[in-house]
Amino acid sequence: MTRTAAQIRQNERIKLGNTIRVWRQHREMTQTEMAEALEIQQSNLSVIENGRKLPNDSTIDKLAKVLKITPYDLLSGVLPTTK
């Protein structure tokens, strides 16, 4: 069965949202704390983390800065390592 472009986009949104959530939790931040640092509403962050919306370029840059990772790592799905 061939996946449609919409299914691929949905999978990418979900993957990015999960990556953001894992990094946020790794940094021991709540959604509220993260949203305040990003200057967005907590509900908007929730929508992004749940894969229902992609963040814009500006928000991706802010996310990477707050999470202390590169935008490339964020978009590539690089996850934190546990030591």
PDB file of N, CA and C in Angstrom:
ATOM      1  N   MET A   1       0.835  -1.179   0.000  1.00  0.00           N
ATOM      2  CA  MET A   1       0.000   0.000   0.000  1.00  0.00           C
ATOM      3  C   MET A   1       0.880   1.242   0.000  1.00  0.00           C
ATOM      4  N   THR A   2       0.605   2.172  -0.879  1.00  0.00           N
ATOM      5  CA  THR A   2       1.375   3.398  -1.000  1.00  0.00           C
ATOM      6  C   THR A   2       0.842   4.449  -0.039  1.00  0.00           C
ATOM      7  N   ARG A   3       1.773   5.105   0.665  1.00  0.00           N
ATOM      8  CA  ARG A   3       1.369   6.179   1.569  1.00  0.00           C
ATOM      9  C   ARG A   3       1.150   7.453   0.777  1.00  0.00           C
ATOM     10  N   THR A   4       0.155   8.212   1.162  1.00  0.00           N
ATOM     11  CA  THR A   4      -0.124   9.475   0.499  1.00  0.00           C
ATOM     12  C   THR A   4       0.779  10.562   1.075  1.00  0.00           C
ATOM     13  N   ALA A   5       0.873  11.674   0.351  1.00  0.00           N
ATOM     14  CA  ALA A   5       1.668  12.806   0.831  1.00  0.00           C
ATOM     15  C   ALA A   5       1.127  13.306   2.166  1.00  0.00           C
ATOM     16  N   ALA A   6      -0.172  13.296   2.341  1.00  0.00           N
ATOM     17  CA  ALA A   6      -0.766  13.749   3.601  1.00  0.00           C
ATOM     18  C   ALA A   6      -0.354  12.837   4.752  1.00  0.00           C
ATOM     19  N   GLN A   7      -0.292  11.535   4.516  1.00  0.00           N
ATOM     20  CA  GLN A   7       0.126  10.600   5.558  1.00  0.00           C
ATOM     21  C   GLN A   7       1.592  10.814   5.922  1.00  0.00           C
ATOM     22  N   ILE A   8       2.420  11.081   4.922  1.00  0.00           N
ATOM     23  CA  ILE A   8       3.840  11.338   5.169  1.00  0.00           C
ATOM     24  C   ILE A   8       3.999  12.610   5.987  1.00  0.00           C
ATOM     25  N   ARG A   9       3.287  13.665   5.627  1.00  0.00           N
ATOM     26  CA  ARG A   9       3.356  14.930   6.373  1.00  0.00           C
ATOM     27  C   ARG A   9       2.888  14.724   7.811  1.00  0.00           C
ATOM     28  N   GLN A  10       1.830  13.955   7.991  1.00  0.00           N
ATOM     29  CA  GLN A  10       1.323  13.693   9.337  1.00  0.00           C
ATOM     30  C   GLN A  10       2.380  12.963  10.159  1.00  0.00           C
ATOM     31  N   ASN A  11       3.018  11.970   9.565  1.00  0.00           N
ATOM     32  CA  ASN A  11       4.073  11.226  10.265  1.00  0.00           C
ATOM     33  C   ASN A  11       5.227  12.139  10.653  1.00  0.00           C
ATOM     34  N   GLU A  12       5.592  13.070   9.779  1.00  0.00           N
ATOM     35  CA  GLU A  12       6.676  14.009  10.075  1.00  0.00           C
ATOM     36  C   GLU A  12       6.283  14.955  11.211  1.00  0.00           C
ATOM     37  N   ARG A  13       5.038  15.416  11.224  1.00  0.00           N
ATOM     38  CA  ARG A  13       4.564  16.283  12.318  1.00  0.00           C
ATOM     39  C   ARG A  13       4.611  15.536  13.636  1.00  0.00           C
ATOM     40  N   ILE A  14       4.179  14.276  13.625  1.00  0.00           N
ATOM     41  CA  ILE A  14       4.172  13.467  14.846  1.00  0.00           C
ATOM     42  C   ILE A  14       5.603  13.223  15.329  1.00  0.00           C
ATOM     43  N   LYS A  15       6.505  12.899  14.407  1.00  0.00           N
ATOM     44  CA  LYS A  15       7.911  12.656  14.767  1.00  0.00           C
ATOM     45  C   LYS A  15       8.534  13.907  15.382  1.00  0.00           C
ATOM     46  N   LEU A  16       8.316  15.067  14.767  1.00  0.00           N
ATOM     47  CA  LEU A  16       8.875  16.306  15.291  1.00  0.00           C
ATOM     48  C   LEU A  16       8.273  16.625  16.659  1.00  0.00           C
ATOM     49  N   GLY A  17       6.981  16.469  16.791  1.00  0.00           N
ATOM     50  CA  GLY A  17       6.322  16.724  18.067  1.00  0.00           C
ATOM     51  C   GLY A  17       6.871  15.841  19.175  1.00  0.00           C
ATOM     52  N   ASN A  18       7.084  14.573  18.873  1.00  0.00           N
ATOM     53  CA  ASN A  18       7.657  13.653  19.862  1.00  0.00           C
ATOM     54  C   ASN A  18       9.081  14.047  20.231  1.00  0.00           C
ATOM     55  N   THR A  19       9.848  14.472  19.238  1.00  0.00           N
ATOM     56  CA  THR A  19      11.226  14.908  19.491  1.00  0.00           C
ATOM     57  C   THR A  19      11.233  16.115  20.425  1.00  0.00           C
ATOM     58  N   ILE A  20      10.357  17.072  20.161  1.00  0.00           N
ATOM     59  CA  ILE A  20      10.265  18.261  21.011  1.00  0.00           C
ATOM     60  C   ILE A  20       9.888  17.866  22.435  1.00  0.00           C
ATOM     61  N   ARG A  21       8.899  16.989  22.575  1.00  0.00           N
ATOM     62  CA  ARG A  21       8.451  16.559  23.901  1.00  0.00           C
ATOM     63  C   ARG A  21       9.583  15.870  24.674  1.00  0.00           C
ATOM     64  N   VAL A  22      10.291  14.960  24.009  1.00  0.00           N
ATOM     65  CA  VAL A  22      11.371  14.227  24.680  1.00  0.00           C
ATOM     66  C   VAL A  22      12.453  15.204  25.156  1.00  0.00           C
ATOM     67  N   TRP A  23      12.838  16.143  24.286  1.00  0.00           N
ATOM     68  CA  TRP A  23      13.859  17.117  24.680  1.00  0.00           C
ATOM     69  C   TRP A  23      13.363  18.013  25.808  1.00  0.00           C
ATOM     70  N   ARG A  24      12.107  18.445  25.751  1.00  0.00           N
ATOM     71  CA  ARG A  24      11.553  19.299  26.809  1.00  0.00           C
ATOM     72  C   ARG A  24      11.600  18.564  28.141  1.00  0.00           C
ATOM     73  N   GLN A  25      11.183  17.318  28.137  1.00  0.00           N
ATOM     74  CA  GLN A  25      11.207  16.528  29.368  1.00  0.00           C
ATOM     75  C   GLN A  25      12.636  16.268  29.838  1.00  0.00           C
ATOM     76  N   HIS A  26      13.536  16.056  28.898  1.00  0.00           N
ATOM     77  CA  HIS A  26      14.954  15.864  29.231  1.00  0.00           C
ATOM     78  C   HIS A  26      15.506  17.110  29.923  1.00  0.00           C
ATOM     79  N   ARG A  27      15.060  18.276  29.499  1.00  0.00           N
ATOM     80  CA  ARG A  27      15.489  19.548  30.101  1.00  0.00           C
ATOM     81  C   ARG A  27      14.676  19.885  31.356  1.00  0.00           C
ATOM     82  N   GLU A  28      13.789  18.953  31.741  1.00  0.00           N
ATOM     83  CA  GLU A  28      12.959  19.091  32.939  1.00  0.00           C
ATOM     84  C   GLU A  28      12.138  20.382  32.923  1.00  0.00           C
ATOM     85  N   MET A  29      11.501  20.615  31.778  1.00  0.00           N
ATOM     86  CA  MET A  29      10.634  21.783  31.615  1.00  0.00           C
ATOM     87  C   MET A  29       9.196  21.323  31.442  1.00  0.00           C
ATOM     88  N   THR A  30       8.273  22.094  31.986  1.00  0.00           N
ATOM     89  CA  THR A  30       6.856  21.845  31.734  1.00  0.00           C
ATOM     90  C   THR A  30       6.488  22.505  30.410  1.00  0.00           C
ATOM     91  N   GLN A  31       5.320  22.143  29.893  1.00  0.00           N
ATOM     92  CA  GLN A  31       4.848  22.817  28.682  1.00  0.00           C
ATOM     93  C   GLN A  31       4.675  24.307  28.942  1.00  0.00           C
ATOM     94  N   THR A  32       4.195  24.656  30.112  1.00  0.00           N
ATOM     95  CA  THR A  32       3.989  26.068  30.443  1.00  0.00           C
ATOM     96  C   THR A  32       5.315  26.823  30.453  1.00  0.00           C
ATOM     97  N   GLU A  33       6.340  26.250  31.074  1.00  0.00           N
ATOM     98  CA  GLU A  33       7.658  26.890  31.110  1.00  0.00           C
ATOM     99  C   GLU A  33       8.228  27.047  29.702  1.00  0.00           C
ATOM    100  N   MET A  34       8.096  25.996  28.904  1.00  0.00           N
ATOM    101  CA  MET A  34       8.609  26.042  27.539  1.00  0.00           C
ATOM    102  C   MET A  34       7.865  27.092  26.713  1.00  0.00           C
ATOM    103  N   ALA A  35       6.552  27.103  26.832  1.00  0.00           N
ATOM    104  CA  ALA A  35       5.751  28.068  26.075  1.00  0.00           C
ATOM    105  C   ALA A  35       6.125  29.495  26.447  1.00  0.00           C
ATOM    106  N   GLU A  36       6.346  29.745  27.725  1.00  0.00           N
ATOM    107  CA  GLU A  36       6.751  31.087  28.155  1.00  0.00           C
ATOM    108  C   GLU A  36       8.095  31.468  27.549  1.00  0.00           C
ATOM    109  N   ALA A  37       9.044  30.532  27.538  1.00  0.00           N
ATOM    110  CA  ALA A  37      10.355  30.793  26.950  1.00  0.00           C
ATOM    111  C   ALA A  37      10.258  31.063  25.447  1.00  0.00           C
ATOM    112  N   LEU A  38       9.288  30.417  24.803  1.00  0.00           N
ATOM    113  CA  LEU A  38       9.094  30.581  23.353  1.00  0.00           C
ATOM    114  C   LEU A  38       8.207  31.772  23.011  1.00  0.00           C
ATOM    115  N   GLU A  39       7.560  32.316  24.042  1.00  0.00           N
ATOM    116  CA  GLU A  39       6.609  33.413  23.865  1.00  0.00           C
ATOM    117  C   GLU A  39       5.431  33.000  22.993  1.00  0.00           C
ATOM    118  N   ILE A  40       4.919  31.777  23.281  1.00  0.00           N
ATOM    119  CA  ILE A  40       3.713  31.283  22.624  1.00  0.00           C
ATOM    120  C   ILE A  40       2.773  30.759  23.701  1.00  0.00           C
ATOM    121  N   GLN A  41       1.535  30.513  23.337  1.00  0.00           N
ATOM    122  CA  GLN A  41       0.572  29.954  24.267  1.00  0.00           C
ATOM    123  C   GLN A  41       0.897  28.478  24.526  1.00  0.00           C
ATOM    124  N   GLN A  42       0.633  28.021  25.743  1.00  0.00           N
ATOM    125  CA  GLN A  42       0.856  26.616  26.085  1.00  0.00           C
ATOM    126  C   GLN A  42       0.034  25.715  25.172  1.00  0.00           C
ATOM    127  N   SER A  43      -1.177  26.145  24.829  1.00  0.00           N
ATOM    128  CA  SER A  43      -2.026  25.327  23.949  1.00  0.00           C
ATOM    129  C   SER A  43      -1.392  25.162  22.566  1.00  0.00           C
ATOM    130  N   ASN A  44      -0.679  26.184  22.092  1.00  0.00           N
ATOM    131  CA  ASN A  44       0.007  26.072  20.793  1.00  0.00           C
ATOM    132  C   ASN A  44       1.148  25.062  20.870  1.00  0.00           C
ATOM    133  N   LEU A  45       1.874  25.063  21.987  1.00  0.00           N
ATOM    134  CA  LEU A  45       2.942  24.083  22.160  1.00  0.00           C
ATOM    135  C   LEU A  45       2.363  22.673  22.209  1.00  0.00           C
ATOM    136  N   SER A  46       1.243  22.513  22.883  1.00  0.00           N
ATOM    137  CA  SER A  46       0.588  21.205  22.959  1.00  0.00           C
ATOM    138  C   SER A  46       0.212  20.704  21.568  1.00  0.00           C
ATOM    139  N   VAL A  47      -0.322  21.585  20.749  1.00  0.00           N
ATOM    140  CA  VAL A  47      -0.717  21.218  19.377  1.00  0.00           C
ATOM    141  C   VAL A  47       0.512  20.758  18.578  1.00  0.00           C
ATOM    142  N   ILE A  48       1.629  21.448  18.772  1.00  0.00           N
ATOM    143  CA  ILE A  48       2.871  21.079  18.076  1.00  0.00           C
ATOM    144  C   ILE A  48       3.371  19.721  18.580  1.00  0.00           C
ATOM    145  N   GLU A  49       3.415  19.554  19.903  1.00  0.00           N
ATOM    146  CA  GLU A  49       3.916  18.295  20.472  1.00  0.00           C
ATOM    147  C   GLU A  49       3.036  17.100  20.104  1.00  0.00           C
ATOM    148  N   ASN A  50       1.760  17.348  19.887  1.00  0.00           N
ATOM    149  CA  ASN A  50       0.845  16.264  19.521  1.00  0.00           C
ATOM    150  C   ASN A  50       0.799  16.010  18.016  1.00  0.00           C
ATOM    151  N   GLY A  51       1.618  16.731  17.262  1.00  0.00           N
ATOM    152  CA  GLY A  51       1.739  16.482  15.834  1.00  0.00           C
ATOM    153  C   GLY A  51       0.585  16.986  14.998  1.00  0.00           C
ATOM    154  N   ARG A  52      -0.187  17.909  15.534  1.00  0.00           N
ATOM    155  CA  ARG A  52      -1.317  18.440  14.764  1.00  0.00           C
ATOM    156  C   ARG A  52      -0.938  19.676  13.952  1.00  0.00           C
ATOM    157  N   LYS A  53       0.248  20.242  14.254  1.00  0.00           N
ATOM    158  CA  LYS A  53       0.686  21.451  13.547  1.00  0.00           C
ATOM    159  C   LYS A  53       2.202  21.489  13.554  1.00  0.00           C
ATOM    160  N   LEU A  54       2.775  21.965  12.448  1.00  0.00           N
ATOM    161  CA  LEU A  54       4.223  22.168  12.396  1.00  0.00           C
ATOM    162  C   LEU A  54       4.542  23.579  12.877  1.00  0.00           C
ATOM    163  N   PRO A  55       5.614  23.744  13.647  1.00  0.00           N
ATOM    164  CA  PRO A  55       6.025  25.091  14.036  1.00  0.00           C
ATOM    165  C   PRO A  55       6.608  25.829  12.835  1.00  0.00           C
ATOM    166  N   ASN A  56       6.491  27.155  12.843  1.00  0.00           N
ATOM    167  CA  ASN A  56       7.103  27.932  11.758  1.00  0.00           C
ATOM    168  C   ASN A  56       8.615  28.012  11.993  1.00  0.00           C
ATOM    169  N   ASP A  57       9.329  28.576  11.031  1.00  0.00           N
ATOM    170  CA  ASP A  57      10.794  28.618  11.104  1.00  0.00           C
ATOM    171  C   ASP A  57      11.283  29.360  12.344  1.00  0.00           C
ATOM    172  N   SER A  58      10.632  30.454  12.674  1.00  0.00           N
ATOM    173  CA  SER A  58      11.024  31.239  13.845  1.00  0.00           C
ATOM    174  C   SER A  58      10.870  30.419  15.120  1.00  0.00           C
ATOM    175  N   THR A  59       9.773  29.695  15.228  1.00  0.00           N
ATOM    176  CA  THR A  59       9.541  28.867  16.414  1.00  0.00           C
ATOM    177  C   THR A  59      10.527  27.708  16.476  1.00  0.00           C
ATOM    178  N   ILE A  60      10.883  27.145  15.336  1.00  0.00           N
ATOM    179  CA  ILE A  60      11.881  26.073  15.312  1.00  0.00           C
ATOM    180  C   ILE A  60      13.215  26.598  15.847  1.00  0.00           C
ATOM    181  N   ASP A  61      13.610  27.792  15.411  1.00  0.00           N
ATOM    182  CA  ASP A  61      14.857  28.385  15.906  1.00  0.00           C
ATOM    183  C   ASP A  61      14.795  28.619  17.411  1.00  0.00           C
ATOM    184  N   LYS A  62      13.671  29.129  17.901  1.00  0.00           N
ATOM    185  CA  LYS A  62      13.510  29.362  19.335  1.00  0.00           C
ATOM    186  C   LYS A  62      13.520  28.048  20.113  1.00  0.00           C
ATOM    187  N   LEU A  63      12.827  27.038  19.591  1.00  0.00           N
ATOM    188  CA  LEU A  63      12.807  25.722  20.239  1.00  0.00           C
ATOM    189  C   LEU A  63      14.229  25.188  20.393  1.00  0.00           C
ATOM    190  N   ALA A  64      14.989  25.240  19.322  1.00  0.00           N
ATOM    191  CA  ALA A  64      16.361  24.727  19.359  1.00  0.00           C
ATOM    192  C   ALA A  64      17.193  25.483  20.392  1.00  0.00           C
ATOM    193  N   LYS A  65      17.034  26.789  20.435  1.00  0.00           N
ATOM    194  CA  LYS A  65      17.802  27.592  21.387  1.00  0.00           C
ATOM    195  C   LYS A  65      17.426  27.233  22.824  1.00  0.00           C
ATOM    196  N   VAL A  66      16.128  27.164  23.106  1.00  0.00           N
ATOM    197  CA  VAL A  66      15.666  26.845  24.461  1.00  0.00           C
ATOM    198  C   VAL A  66      16.086  25.435  24.867  1.00  0.00           C
ATOM    199  N   LEU A  67      16.038  24.506  23.926  1.00  0.00           N
ATOM    200  CA  LEU A  67      16.391  23.116  24.213  1.00  0.00           C
ATOM    201  C   LEU A  67      17.903  22.866  24.175  1.00  0.00           C
ATOM    202  N   LYS A  68      18.658  23.889  23.729  1.00  0.00           N
ATOM    203  CA  LYS A  68      20.127  23.815  23.662  1.00  0.00           C
ATOM    204  C   LYS A  68      20.596  22.734  22.695  1.00  0.00           C
ATOM    205  N   ILE A  69      19.934  22.700  21.531  1.00  0.00           N
ATOM    206  CA  ILE A  69      20.333  21.806  20.446  1.00  0.00           C
ATOM    207  C   ILE A  69      20.283  22.612  19.151  1.00  0.00           C
ATOM    208  N   THR A  70      20.763  22.049  18.073  1.00  0.00           N
ATOM    209  CA  THR A  70      20.712  22.753  16.796  1.00  0.00           C
ATOM    210  C   THR A  70      19.353  22.528  16.130  1.00  0.00           C
ATOM    211  N   PRO A  71      18.930  23.475  15.296  1.00  0.00           N
ATOM    212  CA  PRO A  71      17.703  23.233  14.531  1.00  0.00           C
ATOM    213  C   PRO A  71      17.799  21.964  13.690  1.00  0.00           C
ATOM    214  N   TYR A  72      18.981  21.679  13.158  1.00  0.00           N
ATOM    215  CA  TYR A  72      19.172  20.466  12.362  1.00  0.00           C
ATOM    216  C   TYR A  72      18.879  19.222  13.203  1.00  0.00           C
ATOM    217  N   ASP A  73      19.433  19.175  14.422  1.00  0.00           N
ATOM    218  CA  ASP A  73      19.192  18.018  15.290  1.00  0.00           C
ATOM    219  C   ASP A  73      17.710  17.892  15.620  1.00  0.00           C
ATOM    220  N   LEU A  74      17.073  19.011  15.875  1.00  0.00           N
ATOM    221  CA  LEU A  74      15.648  18.997  16.192  1.00  0.00           C
ATOM    222  C   LEU A  74      14.845  18.422  15.026  1.00  0.00           C
ATOM    223  N   LEU A  75      15.097  18.934  13.831  1.00  0.00           N
ATOM    224  CA  LEU A  75      14.351  18.490  12.656  1.00  0.00           C
ATOM    225  C   LEU A  75      14.730  17.080  12.209  1.00  0.00           C
ATOM    226  N   SER A  76      15.932  16.643  12.582  1.00  0.00           N
ATOM    227  CA  SER A  76      16.395  15.298  12.208  1.00  0.00           C
ATOM    228  C   SER A  76      15.918  14.222  13.181  1.00  0.00           C
ATOM    229  N   GLY A  77      15.329  14.649  14.291  1.00  0.00           N
ATOM    230  CA  GLY A  77      14.830  13.679  15.251  1.00  0.00           C
ATOM    231  C   GLY A  77      15.876  13.125  16.184  1.00  0.00           C
ATOM    232  N   VAL A  78      17.006  13.860  16.331  1.00  0.00           N
ATOM    233  CA  VAL A  78      18.044  13.419  17.260  1.00  0.00           C
ATOM    234  C   VAL A  78      17.495  13.514  18.674  1.00  0.00           C
ATOM    235  N   LEU A  79      17.637  12.438  19.441  1.00  0.00           N
ATOM    236  CA  LEU A  79      17.137  12.396  20.803  1.00  0.00           C
ATOM    237  C   LEU A  79      18.290  12.460  21.797  1.00  0.00           C
ATOM    238  N   PRO A  80      18.004  12.940  23.015  1.00  0.00           N
ATOM    239  CA  PRO A  80      19.075  13.017  24.027  1.00  0.00           C
ATOM    240  C   PRO A  80      19.536  11.613  24.422  1.00  0.00           C
ATOM    241  N   THR A  81      20.791  11.541  24.805  1.00  0.00           N
ATOM    242  CA  THR A  81      21.311  10.264  25.284  1.00  0.00           C
ATOM    243  C   THR A  81      21.328  10.311  26.809  1.00  0.00           C
ATOM    244  N   THR A  82      21.145   9.165  27.403  1.00  0.00           N
ATOM    245  CA  THR A  82      21.193   9.084  28.855  1.00  0.00           C
ATOM    246  C   THR A  82      22.559   8.545  29.255  1.00  0.00           C
ATOM    247  N   LYS A  83      23.123   9.162  30.270  1.00  0.00           N
ATOM    248  CA  LYS A  83      24.456   8.733  30.723  1.00  0.00           C
ATOM    249  C   LYS A  83      24.399   8.400  32.181  1.00  0.00           C
TER     250      LYS A  83
END
